[in-house]
Amino acid sequence: MFYETKVLDAYGKLKEIVSAEELQSRHWKIFQSAEENGSFFKKNALKNQKSENSKKTPSENVGEDDY
């Protein structure tokens, strides 16, 4: 659920008001593009790979790429 949001400038004066519908559509557009690009999954896969490598002894990590 999104709420109407007020955007202020550096002096605290009202710059614009963003409607809840506009925020919702913006959120889902960004979500969809991130999902299509795979940016959600790449970060998690990288974390899982690093955590698995850290559990191994140094001799087991020899020759593996640590990206």
PDB file of N, CA and C in Angstrom:
ATOM      1  N   MET A   1       0.836  -1.166   0.000  1.00  0.00           N
ATOM      2  CA  MET A   1       0.000   0.000   0.000  1.00  0.00           C
ATOM      3  C   MET A   1       0.889   1.240   0.000  1.00  0.00           C
ATOM      4  N   PHE A   2       0.572   2.153  -0.879  1.00  0.00           N
ATOM      5  CA  PHE A   2       1.326   3.378  -1.012  1.00  0.00           C
ATOM      6  C   PHE A   2       0.462   4.561  -0.601  1.00  0.00           C
ATOM      7  N   TYR A   3       1.112   5.562  -0.077  1.00  0.00           N
ATOM      8  CA  TYR A   3       0.418   6.770   0.356  1.00  0.00           C
ATOM      9  C   TYR A   3       0.913   7.962  -0.442  1.00  0.00           C
ATOM     10  N   GLU A   4       0.066   8.942  -0.592  1.00  0.00           N
ATOM     11  CA  GLU A   4       0.447  10.185  -1.251  1.00  0.00           C
ATOM     12  C   GLU A   4       1.697  10.741  -0.561  1.00  0.00           C
ATOM     13  N   THR A   5       2.653  11.180  -1.351  1.00  0.00           N
ATOM     14  CA  THR A   5       3.935  11.630  -0.806  1.00  0.00           C
ATOM     15  C   THR A   5       4.220  13.062  -1.230  1.00  0.00           C
ATOM     16  N   LYS A   6       4.697  13.853  -0.288  1.00  0.00           N
ATOM     17  CA  LYS A   6       5.061  15.239  -0.578  1.00  0.00           C
ATOM     18  C   LYS A   6       6.574  15.323  -0.721  1.00  0.00           C
ATOM     19  N   VAL A   7       7.022  15.968  -1.796  1.00  0.00           N
ATOM     20  CA  VAL A   7       8.446  16.150  -2.049  1.00  0.00           C
ATOM     21  C   VAL A   7       8.786  17.600  -1.737  1.00  0.00           C
ATOM     22  N   LEU A   8       9.789  17.786  -0.879  1.00  0.00           N
ATOM     23  CA  LEU A   8      10.194  19.125  -0.469  1.00  0.00           C
ATOM     24  C   LEU A   8      11.552  19.466  -1.063  1.00  0.00           C
ATOM     25  N   ASP A   9      11.805  20.755  -1.266  1.00  0.00           N
ATOM     26  CA  ASP A   9      13.124  21.176  -1.728  1.00  0.00           C
ATOM     27  C   ASP A   9      14.040  21.358  -0.517  1.00  0.00           C
ATOM     28  N   ALA A  10      15.248  21.823  -0.752  1.00  0.00           N
ATOM     29  CA  ALA A  10      16.245  21.981   0.315  1.00  0.00           C
ATOM     30  C   ALA A  10      15.820  22.987   1.374  1.00  0.00           C
ATOM     31  N   TYR A  11      14.893  23.882   1.015  1.00  0.00           N
ATOM     32  CA  TYR A  11      14.439  24.906   1.950  1.00  0.00           C
ATOM     33  C   TYR A  11      13.158  24.527   2.679  1.00  0.00           C
ATOM     34  N   GLY A  12      12.664  23.315   2.418  1.00  0.00           N
ATOM     35  CA  GLY A  12      11.460  22.847   3.089  1.00  0.00           C
ATOM     36  C   GLY A  12      10.167  23.274   2.423  1.00  0.00           C
ATOM     37  N   LYS A  13      10.267  23.853   1.240  1.00  0.00           N
ATOM     38  CA  LYS A  13       9.072  24.271   0.516  1.00  0.00           C
ATOM     39  C   LYS A  13       8.569  23.110  -0.343  1.00  0.00           C
ATOM     40  N   LEU A  14       7.259  23.024  -0.464  1.00  0.00           N
ATOM     41  CA  LEU A  14       6.638  21.953  -1.231  1.00  0.00           C
ATOM     42  C   LEU A  14       7.014  22.058  -2.704  1.00  0.00           C
ATOM     43  N   LYS A  15       7.590  20.985  -3.216  1.00  0.00           N
ATOM     44  CA  LYS A  15       8.022  20.957  -4.601  1.00  0.00           C
ATOM     45  C   LYS A  15       6.968  20.272  -5.472  1.00  0.00           C
ATOM     46  N   GLU A  16       6.485  19.120  -5.011  1.00  0.00           N
ATOM     47  CA  GLU A  16       5.436  18.399  -5.723  1.00  0.00           C
ATOM     48  C   GLU A  16       4.777  17.393  -4.799  1.00  0.00           C
ATOM     49  N   ILE A  17       3.609  16.920  -5.210  1.00  0.00           N
ATOM     50  CA  ILE A  17       2.903  15.871  -4.495  1.00  0.00           C
ATOM     51  C   ILE A  17       2.770  14.698  -5.453  1.00  0.00           C
ATOM     52  N   VAL A  18       3.252  13.527  -5.022  1.00  0.00           N
ATOM     53  CA  VAL A  18       3.193  12.326  -5.851  1.00  0.00           C
ATOM     54  C   VAL A  18       2.033  11.476  -5.352  1.00  0.00           C
ATOM     55  N   SER A  19       1.122  11.146  -6.263  1.00  0.00           N
ATOM     56  CA  SER A  19      -0.066  10.379  -5.874  1.00  0.00           C
ATOM     57  C   SER A  19       0.284   8.920  -5.580  1.00  0.00           C
ATOM     58  N   ALA A  20      -0.587   8.259  -4.847  1.00  0.00           N
ATOM     59  CA  ALA A  20      -0.390   6.856  -4.502  1.00  0.00           C
ATOM     60  C   ALA A  20      -0.380   5.982  -5.754  1.00  0.00           C
ATOM     61  N   GLU A  21      -1.232   6.308  -6.726  1.00  0.00           N
ATOM     62  CA  GLU A  21      -1.293   5.538  -7.968  1.00  0.00           C
ATOM     63  C   GLU A  21       0.015   5.654  -8.751  1.00  0.00           C
ATOM     64  N   GLU A  22       0.577   6.849  -8.778  1.00  0.00           N
ATOM     65  CA  GLU A  22       1.836   7.061  -9.483  1.00  0.00           C
ATOM     66  C   GLU A  22       2.976   6.288  -8.808  1.00  0.00           C
ATOM     67  N   LEU A  23       3.007   6.298  -7.493  1.00  0.00           N
ATOM     68  CA  LEU A  23       4.033   5.547  -6.765  1.00  0.00           C
ATOM     69  C   LEU A  23       3.900   4.053  -7.000  1.00  0.00           C
ATOM     70  N   GLN A  24       2.672   3.576  -7.010  1.00  0.00           N
ATOM     71  CA  GLN A  24       2.442   2.149  -7.223  1.00  0.00           C
ATOM     72  C   GLN A  24       2.888   1.725  -8.619  1.00  0.00           C
ATOM     73  N   SER A  25       2.526   2.489  -9.642  1.00  0.00           N
ATOM     74  CA  SER A  25       2.923   2.129 -11.001  1.00  0.00           C
ATOM     75  C   SER A  25       4.439   2.207 -11.165  1.00  0.00           C
ATOM     76  N   ARG A  26       5.071   3.210 -10.553  1.00  0.00           N
ATOM     77  CA  ARG A  26       6.527   3.346 -10.614  1.00  0.00           C
ATOM     78  C   ARG A  26       7.207   2.155  -9.949  1.00  0.00           C
ATOM     79  N   HIS A  27       6.712   1.764  -8.787  1.00  0.00           N
ATOM     80  CA  HIS A  27       7.288   0.639  -8.059  1.00  0.00           C
ATOM     81  C   HIS A  27       7.252  -0.637  -8.894  1.00  0.00           C
ATOM     82  N   TRP A  28       6.108  -0.954  -9.481  1.00  0.00           N
ATOM     83  CA  TRP A  28       5.974  -2.205 -10.229  1.00  0.00           C
ATOM     84  C   TRP A  28       6.755  -2.181 -11.534  1.00  0.00           C
ATOM     85  N   LYS A  29       6.919  -1.014 -12.157  1.00  0.00           N
ATOM     86  CA  LYS A  29       7.753  -0.918 -13.357  1.00  0.00           C
ATOM     87  C   LYS A  29       9.207  -1.224 -13.002  1.00  0.00           C
ATOM     88  N   ILE A  30       9.687  -0.634 -11.918  1.00  0.00           N
ATOM     89  CA  ILE A  30      11.064  -0.873 -11.477  1.00  0.00           C
ATOM     90  C   ILE A  30      11.252  -2.327 -11.075  1.00  0.00           C
ATOM     91  N   PHE A  31      10.280  -2.875 -10.373  1.00  0.00           N
ATOM     92  CA  PHE A  31      10.346  -4.273  -9.943  1.00  0.00           C
ATOM     93  C   PHE A  31      10.423  -5.203 -11.142  1.00  0.00           C
ATOM     94  N   GLN A  32       9.574  -4.967 -12.132  1.00  0.00           N
ATOM     95  CA  GLN A  32       9.533  -5.817 -13.316  1.00  0.00           C
ATOM     96  C   GLN A  32      10.844  -5.732 -14.099  1.00  0.00           C
ATOM     97  N   SER A  33      11.377  -4.541 -14.279  1.00  0.00           N
ATOM     98  CA  SER A  33      12.628  -4.408 -15.027  1.00  0.00           C
ATOM     99  C   SER A  33      13.789  -5.058 -14.268  1.00  0.00           C
ATOM    100  N   ALA A  34      13.810  -4.938 -12.960  1.00  0.00           N
ATOM    101  CA  ALA A  34      14.864  -5.579 -12.173  1.00  0.00           C
ATOM    102  C   ALA A  34      14.748  -7.095 -12.242  1.00  0.00           C
ATOM    103  N   GLU A  35      13.545  -7.593 -12.243  1.00  0.00           N
ATOM    104  CA  GLU A  35      13.317  -9.032 -12.326  1.00  0.00           C
ATOM    105  C   GLU A  35      13.742  -9.559 -13.698  1.00  0.00           C
ATOM    106  N   GLU A  36      13.434  -8.815 -14.769  1.00  0.00           N
ATOM    107  CA  GLU A  36      13.817  -9.228 -16.118  1.00  0.00           C
ATOM    108  C   GLU A  36      15.330  -9.206 -16.294  1.00  0.00           C
ATOM    109  N   ASN A  37      16.000  -8.246 -15.684  1.00  0.00           N
ATOM    110  CA  ASN A  37      17.455  -8.159 -15.782  1.00  0.00           C
ATOM    111  C   ASN A  37      18.159  -9.180 -14.908  1.00  0.00           C
ATOM    112  N   GLY A  38      17.428  -9.783 -13.989  1.00  0.00           N
ATOM    113  CA  GLY A  38      18.016 -10.774 -13.106  1.00  0.00           C
ATOM    114  C   GLY A  38      18.810 -10.175 -11.976  1.00  0.00           C
ATOM    115  N   SER A  39      18.646  -8.910 -11.706  1.00  0.00           N
ATOM    116  CA  SER A  39      19.442  -8.268 -10.662  1.00  0.00           C
ATOM    117  C   SER A  39      19.088  -8.782  -9.271  1.00  0.00           C
ATOM    118  N   PHE A  40      17.884  -9.294  -9.088  1.00  0.00           N
ATOM    119  CA  PHE A  40      17.520  -9.856  -7.787  1.00  0.00           C
ATOM    120  C   PHE A  40      18.297 -11.139  -7.523  1.00  0.00           C
ATOM    121  N   PHE A  41      18.474 -11.919  -8.558  1.00  0.00           N
ATOM    122  CA  PHE A  41      19.048 -13.244  -8.392  1.00  0.00           C
ATOM    123  C   PHE A  41      20.562 -13.238  -8.426  1.00  0.00           C
ATOM    124  N   LYS A  42      21.171 -12.344  -9.171  1.00  0.00           N
ATOM    125  CA  LYS A  42      22.622 -12.312  -9.255  1.00  0.00           C
ATOM    126  C   LYS A  42      23.255 -12.011  -7.911  1.00  0.00           C
ATOM    127  N   LYS A  43      22.690 -11.063  -7.188  1.00  0.00           N
ATOM    128  CA  LYS A  43      23.244 -10.674  -5.901  1.00  0.00           C
ATOM    129  C   LYS A  43      23.177 -11.844  -4.909  1.00  0.00           C
ATOM    130  N   ASN A  44      22.032 -12.517  -4.842  1.00  0.00           N
ATOM    131  CA  ASN A  44      21.867 -13.628  -3.922  1.00  0.00           C
ATOM    132  C   ASN A  44      22.738 -14.809  -4.306  1.00  0.00           C
ATOM    133  N   ALA A  45      22.882 -15.072  -5.586  1.00  0.00           N
ATOM    134  CA  ALA A  45      23.727 -16.177  -6.031  1.00  0.00           C
ATOM    135  C   ALA A  45      25.173 -15.912  -5.657  1.00  0.00           C
ATOM    136  N   LEU A  46      25.601 -14.673  -5.782  1.00  0.00           N
ATOM    137  CA  LEU A  46      26.968 -14.312  -5.431  1.00  0.00           C
ATOM    138  C   LEU A  46      27.198 -14.483  -3.935  1.00  0.00           C
ATOM    139  N   LYS A  47      26.245 -14.072  -3.115  1.00  0.00           N
ATOM    140  CA  LYS A  47      26.369 -14.232  -1.666  1.00  0.00           C
ATOM    141  C   LYS A  47      26.460 -15.704  -1.296  1.00  0.00           C
ATOM    142  N   ASN A  48      25.604 -16.535  -1.907  1.00  0.00           N
ATOM    143  CA  ASN A  48      25.609 -17.966  -1.616  1.00  0.00           C
ATOM    144  C   ASN A  48      26.925 -18.603  -2.018  1.00  0.00           C
ATOM    145  N   GLN A  49      27.474 -18.201  -3.166  1.00  0.00           N
ATOM    146  CA  GLN A  49      28.733 -18.752  -3.623  1.00  0.00           C
ATOM    147  C   GLN A  49      29.865 -18.392  -2.671  1.00  0.00           C
ATOM    148  N   LYS A  50      29.904 -17.153  -2.214  1.00  0.00           N
ATOM    149  CA  LYS A  50      30.955 -16.724  -1.297  1.00  0.00           C
ATOM    150  C   LYS A  50      30.833 -17.423   0.047  1.00  0.00           C
ATOM    151  N   SER A  51      29.616 -17.597   0.543  1.00  0.00           N
ATOM    152  CA  SER A  51      29.445 -18.244   1.835  1.00  0.00           C
ATOM    153  C   SER A  51      29.815 -19.715   1.762  1.00  0.00           C
ATOM    154  N   GLU A  52      29.556 -20.357   0.617  1.00  0.00           N
ATOM    155  CA  GLU A  52      29.940 -21.756   0.466  1.00  0.00           C
ATOM    156  C   GLU A  52      31.452 -21.890   0.406  1.00  0.00           C
ATOM    157  N   ASN A  53      32.125 -20.953  -0.286  1.00  0.00           N
ATOM    158  CA  ASN A  53      33.583 -20.992  -0.376  1.00  0.00           C
ATOM    159  C   ASN A  53      34.226 -20.710   0.970  1.00  0.00           C
ATOM    160  N   SER A  54      33.609 -19.876   1.780  1.00  0.00           N
ATOM    161  CA  SER A  54      34.201 -19.546   3.068  1.00  0.00           C
ATOM    162  C   SER A  54      34.107 -20.721   4.038  1.00  0.00           C
ATOM    163  N   LYS A  55      33.201 -21.644   3.799  1.00  0.00           N
ATOM    164  CA  LYS A  55      33.069 -22.821   4.654  1.00  0.00           C
ATOM    165  C   LYS A  55      34.148 -23.860   4.355  1.00  0.00           C
ATOM    166  N   LYS A  56      34.727 -23.782   3.145  1.00  0.00           N
ATOM    167  CA  LYS A  56      35.759 -24.730   2.750  1.00  0.00           C
ATOM    168  C   LYS A  56      37.096 -24.326   3.339  1.00  0.00           C
ATOM    169  N   THR A  57      37.988 -25.288   3.439  1.00  0.00           N
ATOM    170  CA  THR A  57      39.349 -24.982   3.885  1.00  0.00           C
ATOM    171  C   THR A  57      40.088 -24.322   2.730  1.00  0.00           C
ATOM    172  N   PRO A  58      41.162 -23.598   2.986  1.00  0.00           N
ATOM    173  CA  PRO A  58      41.903 -22.918   1.914  1.00  0.00           C
ATOM    174  C   PRO A  58      42.377 -23.873   0.818  1.00  0.00           C
ATOM    175  N   SER A  59      42.737 -25.110   1.160  1.00  0.00           N
ATOM    176  CA  SER A  59      43.199 -26.053   0.140  1.00  0.00           C
ATOM    177  C   SER A  59      42.064 -26.476  -0.793  1.00  0.00           C
ATOM    178  N   GLU A  60      40.822 -26.441  -0.320  1.00  0.00           N
ATOM    179  CA  GLU A  60      39.687 -26.787  -1.160  1.00  0.00           C
ATOM    180  C   GLU A  60      39.337 -25.661  -2.122  1.00  0.00           C
ATOM    181  N   ASN A  61      39.724 -24.433  -1.801  1.00  0.00           N
ATOM    182  CA  ASN A  61      39.420 -23.276  -2.643  1.00  0.00           C
ATOM    183  C   ASN A  61      40.423 -23.071  -3.761  1.00  0.00           C
ATOM    184  N   VAL A  62      41.530 -23.816  -3.779  1.00  0.00           N
ATOM    185  CA  VAL A  62      42.559 -23.629  -4.772  1.00  0.00           C
ATOM    186  C   VAL A  62      41.993 -23.911  -6.150  1.00  0.00           C
ATOM    187  N   GLY A  63      42.213 -22.964  -7.083  1.00  0.00           N
ATOM    188  CA  GLY A  63      41.774 -23.152  -8.457  1.00  0.00           C
ATOM    189  C   GLY A  63      40.360 -22.674  -8.737  1.00  0.00           C
ATOM    190  N   GLU A  64      39.634 -22.254  -7.738  1.00  0.00           N
ATOM    191  CA  GLU A  64      38.274 -21.767  -7.953  1.00  0.00           C
ATOM    192  C   GLU A  64      38.299 -20.271  -8.166  1.00  0.00           C
ATOM    193  N   ASP A  65      37.410 -19.810  -9.015  1.00  0.00           N
ATOM    194  CA  ASP A  65      37.296 -18.369  -9.228  1.00  0.00           C
ATOM    195  C   ASP A  65      36.429 -17.775  -8.135  1.00  0.00           C
ATOM    196  N   ASP A  66      36.913 -16.712  -7.520  1.00  0.00           N
ATOM    197  CA  ASP A  66      36.149 -16.039  -6.466  1.00  0.00           C
ATOM    198  C   ASP A  66      35.592 -14.742  -7.002  1.00  0.00           C
ATOM    199  N   TYR A  67      34.542 -14.803  -7.786  1.00  0.00           N
ATOM    200  CA  TYR A  67      33.917 -13.602  -8.311  1.00  0.00           C
ATOM    201  C   TYR A  67      32.873 -13.139  -7.342  1.00  0.00           C
TER     202      TYR A  67
END
